[in-house]
């Protein structure tokens, strides 16, 4: 879905891990010497289609029709009906 997301996520997590390890070392006044941690983010080859795939899985369940809005509901309530999602709760 996002270009090079796995690479950027791995880079950012690696930075956070290194910062926390450095802070741990400083707070222990050198008594703790943390071992470097390898950070590896793995993404699926089909990650690009994950959102569509998740939506198609939801649509194939029997519960789908109890959590979706119909066209007539949209016409009655207007766009404000989209601010509440039975699956995720209120969207503000």
Protein backbone atom coordinates (compact mmCIF):
# COMPACT_ATOMS: atom_id res chain seq x y z
CA UNK A 1 0.00 0.00 0.00
CA UNK A 2 2.86 2.40 0.82
CA UNK A 3 6.07 2.31 -1.19
CA UNK A 4 9.01 0.85 0.79
CA UNK A 5 6.93 0.81 3.98
CA UNK A 6 8.70 -2.24 5.38
CA UNK A 7 12.14 -0.70 4.85
CA UNK A 8 11.13 2.62 6.44
CA UNK A 9 9.41 0.89 9.36
CA UNK A 10 12.49 -1.25 9.99
CA UNK A 11 14.74 1.81 9.90
CA UNK A 12 12.53 3.72 12.36
CA UNK A 13 12.17 0.81 14.77
CA UNK A 14 15.92 0.20 14.62
CA UNK A 15 16.54 3.85 15.58
CA UNK A 16 14.11 3.59 18.51
CA UNK A 17 15.71 0.38 19.75
CA UNK A 18 19.18 1.92 19.59
CA UNK A 19 18.00 5.05 21.43
CA UNK A 20 16.43 2.98 24.21
CA UNK A 21 19.52 0.81 24.55
CA UNK A 22 21.72 3.90 24.78
CA UNK A 23 19.41 5.39 27.42
CA UNK A 24 19.45 2.13 29.38
CA UNK A 25 23.25 2.17 29.32
CA UNK A 26 23.35 5.78 30.50
CA UNK A 27 20.79 5.28 33.27
CA UNK A 28 22.69 2.26 34.59
CA UNK A 29 25.86 4.39 34.61
CA UNK A 30 27.65 1.79 32.52
CA UNK A 31 26.74 -1.21 34.68
CA UNK A 32 24.47 -2.64 31.99
CA UNK A 33 25.93 -3.14 28.57
CA UNK A 34 22.99 -4.05 26.31
CA UNK A 35 23.56 -6.53 23.52
CA UNK A 36 22.71 -5.14 20.08
CA UNK A 37 19.29 -6.26 18.84
CA UNK A 38 18.65 -7.08 15.21
CA UNK A 39 15.45 -5.53 13.89
CA UNK A 40 13.87 -7.24 10.93
CA UNK A 41 10.51 -6.25 9.46
CA UNK A 42 9.04 -8.82 7.11
CA UNK A 43 6.34 -7.86 4.66
CA UNK A 44 4.20 -10.14 2.58
CA UNK A 45 4.57 -10.11 -1.21
CA UNK A 46 0.88 -9.28 -1.48
CA UNK A 47 1.05 -6.44 1.10
CA UNK A 48 -0.02 -4.01 -1.59
CA UNK A 49 -3.45 -5.68 -1.69
CA UNK A 50 -3.89 -6.18 2.08
CA UNK A 51 -6.61 -3.55 2.47
CA UNK A 52 -8.63 -4.93 -0.41
CA UNK A 53 -8.11 -8.49 0.83
CA UNK A 54 -9.28 -7.59 4.36
CA UNK A 55 -12.36 -5.88 2.96
CA UNK A 56 -13.18 -8.86 0.78
CA UNK A 57 -12.85 -11.17 3.78
CA UNK A 58 -15.24 -8.99 5.81
CA UNK A 59 -17.70 -8.87 2.90
CA UNK A 60 -17.73 -12.66 2.70
CA UNK A 61 -18.86 -13.11 6.32
CA UNK A 62 -22.51 -13.41 7.39
CA UNK A 63 -22.02 -10.46 9.78
CA UNK A 64 -21.22 -8.10 6.92
CA UNK A 65 -24.82 -7.12 6.32
CA UNK A 66 -25.32 -6.25 9.98
CA UNK A 67 -22.40 -3.79 9.95
CA UNK A 68 -22.76 -2.08 6.58
CA UNK A 69 -24.97 0.86 5.61
CA UNK A 70 -27.43 0.61 2.76
CA UNK A 71 -27.96 3.17 0.04
CA UNK A 72 -31.38 4.01 1.47
CA UNK A 73 -29.82 4.67 4.90
CA UNK A 74 -27.25 6.93 3.28
CA UNK A 75 -29.98 8.80 1.41
CA UNK A 76 -31.98 9.19 4.64
CA UNK A 77 -29.13 10.28 6.96
CA UNK A 78 -26.63 11.69 4.48
CA UNK A 79 -22.84 11.63 4.83
CA UNK A 80 -23.06 11.80 8.64
CA UNK A 81 -23.95 8.10 8.69
CA UNK A 82 -20.33 7.39 7.73
CA UNK A 83 -19.10 8.87 11.02
CA UNK A 84 -20.21 5.77 12.88
CA UNK A 85 -18.80 2.41 11.99
CA UNK A 86 -20.30 -0.63 13.77
CA UNK A 87 -17.03 -2.52 13.34
CA UNK A 88 -14.67 0.14 14.71
CA UNK A 89 -17.01 2.42 16.69
CA UNK A 90 -17.49 6.15 16.28
CA UNK A 91 -15.27 7.92 13.78
CA UNK A 92 -14.65 11.58 14.59
